[in-house]
Amino acid sequence: MKSNLTLVTGLFNLGRGDMTTDFNRPFTKYLECFERLLKLDFQMVIYIEPENEPFVWKFRKPENTRVILKTLDDLRAMPFYDQIQRIRNDPTWSGQTDWIDNGVHHAGWLANSTQAGLELYNPLIMSKQFMLNDASLFNHFNSKYYLWIDAGLANSVHLESYM
């Protein structure tokens, strides 16, 4: 397929399956959703951990897929990682409760969330724009348009009809 659009995505096992809160989701659930995304007939640039690369090639071809291998340590090497961790581990941030006090909204769900509970959740979220930018700069498929699409989007969106 030749298109002016390249989808950019990434999948990393951040340990969400080990969470002991309502935000727990096993990595196998992400793989199920990711499989549905990989079956779409679009050019893709995929950022993924080396151990999960074989999963990509079960559903994709090199002609329309570029795999960029990244590790969890690569996420730890992002700028501002230390500042992100200081905020994430600060009880005045993560311990907020759900009320409005002097115009400040406090959300009680935060302490149990992926944002507070997983070391690499926020660094990954904050890296997506850079991954998208890099994919557009390398422009492996000579595309005009690039779109970030979350690897787990199929958990809440019927990709086949949406795309």
Protein backbone atom coordinates (compact mmCIF):
# COMPACT_ATOMS: atom_id res chain seq x y z
CA MET A 1 0.00 0.00 0.00
CA LYS A 2 1.28 3.45 -0.88
CA SER A 3 -0.26 6.33 0.97
CA ASN A 4 0.46 9.83 2.11
CA LEU A 5 -0.33 8.72 5.67
CA THR A 6 1.93 6.87 8.07
CA LEU A 7 0.63 5.70 11.43
CA VAL A 8 3.11 5.94 14.28
CA THR A 9 2.68 3.87 17.42
CA GLY A 10 4.58 2.38 20.30
CA LEU A 11 4.14 -0.49 22.71
CA PHE A 12 6.06 -0.93 25.95
CA ASN A 13 5.41 -3.20 28.89
CA LEU A 14 5.37 -0.67 31.72
CA GLY A 15 4.19 -3.16 34.35
CA ARG A 16 0.54 -2.17 34.40
CA GLY A 17 -0.36 -5.82 34.95
CA ASP A 18 1.46 -5.69 38.28
CA MET A 19 -0.62 -2.82 39.65
CA THR A 20 -2.85 -3.64 42.60
CA THR A 21 -5.46 -0.98 41.77
CA ASP A 22 -8.43 -0.73 39.43
CA PHE A 23 -5.98 0.51 36.78
CA ASN A 24 -4.47 -2.99 36.47
CA ARG A 25 -4.41 -4.30 32.92
CA PRO A 26 -2.32 -7.29 31.83
CA PHE A 27 0.15 -6.81 29.00
CA THR A 28 -1.63 -9.58 27.09
CA LYS A 29 -4.62 -7.23 26.78
CA TYR A 30 -2.36 -4.68 25.11
CA LEU A 31 -1.04 -7.34 22.74
CA GLU A 32 -4.61 -8.28 21.75
CA CYS A 33 -5.41 -4.65 20.96
CA PHE A 34 -2.06 -4.14 19.26
CA GLU A 35 -2.71 -7.11 16.98
CA ARG A 36 -5.87 -5.44 15.71
CA LEU A 37 -3.91 -2.27 15.00
CA LEU A 38 -1.14 -4.17 13.22
CA LYS A 39 -3.66 -5.75 10.86
CA LEU A 40 -4.73 -2.37 9.47
CA ASP A 41 -3.56 -1.68 5.94
CA PHE A 42 -1.49 1.43 6.63
CA GLN A 43 2.19 2.23 6.58
CA MET A 44 3.48 2.16 10.15
CA VAL A 45 6.43 3.22 12.21
CA ILE A 46 6.45 1.18 15.41
CA TYR A 47 8.50 1.89 18.51
CA ILE A 48 8.77 -1.29 20.51
CA GLU A 49 10.93 -3.21 22.95
CA PRO A 50 13.26 -5.74 21.28
CA GLU A 51 11.59 -8.74 22.94
CA ASN A 52 8.25 -7.81 21.35
CA GLU A 53 9.54 -7.22 17.82
CA PRO A 54 8.71 -10.79 16.64
CA PHE A 55 5.07 -10.11 17.51
CA VAL A 56 5.03 -7.26 14.97
CA TRP A 57 6.32 -9.44 12.13
CA LYS A 58 3.51 -11.96 12.62
CA PHE A 59 1.15 -9.36 11.17
CA ARG A 60 3.27 -6.85 9.23
CA LYS A 61 5.57 -6.77 6.21
CA PRO A 62 8.84 -4.85 5.89
CA GLU A 63 7.47 -3.03 2.83
CA ASN A 64 4.99 -1.06 4.93
CA THR A 65 6.54 -1.23 8.39
CA ARG A 66 9.52 0.32 10.09
CA VAL A 67 10.36 -0.99 13.56
CA ILE A 68 12.35 1.22 15.89
CA LEU A 69 13.70 -0.70 18.87
CA LYS A 70 13.62 1.10 22.20
CA THR A 71 14.08 -0.15 25.73
CA LEU A 72 12.63 0.94 29.02
CA ASP A 73 16.05 2.42 29.75
CA ASP A 74 15.62 4.61 26.67
CA LEU A 75 12.48 6.01 28.31
CA ARG A 76 14.46 6.60 31.49
CA ALA A 77 17.01 8.56 29.45
CA MET A 78 14.46 11.12 28.29
CA PRO A 79 15.00 14.75 29.28
CA PHE A 80 13.22 15.70 32.51
CA TYR A 81 12.94 12.08 33.68
CA ASP A 82 14.20 13.01 37.16
CA GLN A 83 11.80 15.94 37.44
CA ILE A 84 8.89 13.74 36.34
CA GLN A 85 9.76 11.20 39.04
CA ARG A 86 10.01 13.89 41.72
CA ILE A 87 6.50 15.08 40.88
CA ARG A 88 5.11 11.55 40.56
CA ASN A 89 6.47 10.56 43.97
CA ASP A 90 5.45 13.77 45.73
CA PRO A 91 2.49 12.97 48.03
CA THR A 92 1.13 16.49 47.59
CA TRP A 93 0.63 15.64 43.92
CA SER A 94 -0.33 11.97 44.01
CA GLY A 95 -2.27 12.21 47.26
CA GLN A 96 -4.77 14.76 46.06
CA THR A 97 -8.39 13.97 46.86
CA ASP A 98 -11.50 14.88 44.95
CA TRP A 99 -12.71 18.30 46.10
CA ILE A 100 -12.37 21.95 45.19
CA ASP A 101 -10.61 24.13 47.75
CA ASN A 102 -9.97 27.80 47.02
CA GLY A 103 -10.49 27.14 43.32
CA VAL A 104 -8.08 24.17 43.22
CA HIS A 105 -9.55 20.89 41.99
CA HIS A 106 -8.21 17.78 43.72
CA ALA A 107 -8.76 14.41 42.02
CA GLY A 108 -8.85 11.43 44.39
CA TRP A 109 -8.26 8.83 41.69
CA LEU A 110 -4.72 10.03 41.05
CA ALA A 111 -2.92 8.09 43.80
CA ASN A 112 -4.06 4.75 42.34
CA SER A 113 -3.63 5.72 38.70
CA THR A 114 -1.06 4.69 36.11
CA GLN A 115 0.28 8.26 36.18
CA ALA A 116 1.21 7.95 39.86
CA GLY A 117 1.85 4.22 40.09
CA LEU A 118 4.06 3.49 37.10
CA GLU A 119 7.55 4.90 36.85
CA LEU A 120 7.53 5.07 33.05
CA TYR A 121 3.92 5.94 32.23
CA ASN A 122 4.43 9.72 32.14
CA PRO A 123 7.81 9.54 30.36
CA LEU A 124 6.18 7.39 27.66
CA ILE A 125 3.24 9.76 27.28
CA MET A 126 5.61 12.70 27.04
CA SER A 127 7.81 10.89 24.48
CA LYS A 128 5.05 10.28 21.93
CA GLN A 129 5.41 13.69 20.30
CA PHE A 130 9.14 13.10 19.85
CA MET A 131 8.59 9.64 18.35
CA LEU A 132 6.07 11.13 15.94
CA ASN A 133 8.48 13.93 15.07
CA ASP A 134 11.35 11.48 14.47
CA ALA A 135 9.17 9.32 12.23
CA SER A 136 8.30 12.38 10.15
CA LEU A 137 11.94 13.48 9.91
CA PHE A 138 13.19 10.06 8.77
CA ASN A 139 10.12 9.79 6.50
CA HIS A 140 10.69 6.11 5.67
CA PHE A 141 7.68 5.94 3.35
CA ASN A 142 7.85 9.41 1.81
CA SER A 143 4.59 10.33 3.52
CA LYS A 144 3.06 13.75 3.81
CA TYR A 145 1.00 13.04 6.94
CA TYR A 146 1.78 11.31 10.22
CA LEU A 147 -0.66 10.27 12.89
CA TRP A 148 0.10 8.94 16.37
CA ILE A 149 -2.20 6.08 17.27
CA ASP A 150 -1.98 4.34 20.64
CA ALA A 151 -1.13 0.66 20.45
CA GLY A 152 -3.97 -0.13 22.86
CA LEU A 153 -6.59 2.06 21.18
CA ALA A 154 -8.60 -1.00 20.10
CA ASN A 155 -9.49 -1.47 23.77
CA SER A 156 -11.99 1.38 23.41
CA VAL A 157 -12.36 1.98 19.65
CA HIS A 158 -13.42 -0.42 16.90
CA LEU A 159 -10.40 0.30 14.72
CA GLU A 160 -11.52 -1.57 11.64
CA SER A 161 -14.60 0.63 11.15
CA TYR A 162 -13.03 3.81 12.55
CA MET A 163 -10.05 3.79 10.19
